[in-house]
């Protein structure tokens, strides 16, 4: 049973630069969302009247 294909990329300099930028952007977005989630969660623990964090709100805030 074949479950996956491994494909080796041989990007040129322009493509390699684009891949590095895309990975950096994804890493930034993940780290920002994680930090914001933890911040909002701690705030909701301190004050139960505050809403708990949710994915949709974080996406709206990031965009």
Protein backbone atom coordinates (compact mmCIF):
# COMPACT_ATOMS: atom_id res chain seq x y z
CA UNK A 1 0.00 0.00 0.00
CA UNK A 2 1.41 3.36 -1.06
CA UNK A 3 0.77 6.02 1.57
CA UNK A 4 2.90 8.95 0.44
CA UNK A 5 5.28 10.24 -2.19
CA UNK A 6 8.58 11.85 -1.35
CA UNK A 7 9.49 14.54 -3.82
CA UNK A 8 12.85 16.25 -3.84
CA UNK A 9 12.78 19.89 -4.83
CA UNK A 10 15.66 21.59 -6.57
CA UNK A 11 14.68 25.26 -6.31
CA UNK A 12 16.60 28.03 -7.97
CA UNK A 13 17.69 31.06 -5.93
CA UNK A 14 14.44 32.96 -6.43
CA UNK A 15 12.34 29.97 -5.39
CA UNK A 16 14.57 29.20 -2.39
CA UNK A 17 14.22 32.80 -1.22
CA UNK A 18 10.44 32.60 -1.59
CA UNK A 19 10.30 29.31 0.36
CA UNK A 20 12.38 30.83 3.17
CA UNK A 21 10.13 33.91 3.34
CA UNK A 22 6.98 31.76 3.35
CA UNK A 23 8.35 29.59 6.16
CA UNK A 24 9.32 32.69 8.14
CA UNK A 25 5.85 34.16 7.73
CA UNK A 26 4.21 30.93 8.85
CA UNK A 27 6.54 30.70 11.85
CA UNK A 28 5.76 34.32 12.80
CA UNK A 29 2.00 33.75 12.55
CA UNK A 30 2.16 30.56 14.64
CA UNK A 31 4.33 32.12 17.35
CA UNK A 32 2.20 35.27 17.47
CA UNK A 33 -1.03 33.28 17.75
CA UNK A 34 0.39 31.02 20.45
CA UNK A 35 1.59 33.97 22.54
CA UNK A 36 -1.72 35.81 22.08
CA UNK A 37 -3.71 32.67 22.94
CA UNK A 38 -1.74 32.21 26.17
CA UNK A 39 -2.15 35.89 27.03
CA UNK A 40 -5.92 35.79 26.51
CA UNK A 41 -6.26 32.49 28.37
CA UNK A 42 -4.39 33.81 31.41
CA UNK A 43 -6.56 36.94 31.35
CA UNK A 44 -9.71 34.79 31.25
CA UNK A 45 -8.48 32.80 34.25
CA UNK A 46 -7.84 35.98 36.23
CA UNK A 47 -11.22 37.48 35.30
CA UNK A 48 -13.91 34.88 34.46
CA UNK A 49 -16.07 37.59 32.86
CA UNK A 50 -13.57 37.87 30.00
CA UNK A 51 -14.16 35.48 27.10
CA UNK A 52 -11.84 32.56 26.49
CA UNK A 53 -9.72 32.74 23.34
CA UNK A 54 -10.98 31.17 20.13
CA UNK A 55 -9.48 30.54 16.72
CA UNK A 56 -11.86 32.77 14.77
CA UNK A 57 -11.10 35.81 16.92
CA UNK A 58 -7.36 35.25 16.56
CA UNK A 59 -7.66 34.93 12.78
CA UNK A 60 -9.64 38.17 12.59
CA UNK A 61 -7.07 39.94 14.76
CA UNK A 62 -4.14 38.69 12.68
CA UNK A 63 -5.75 39.58 9.37
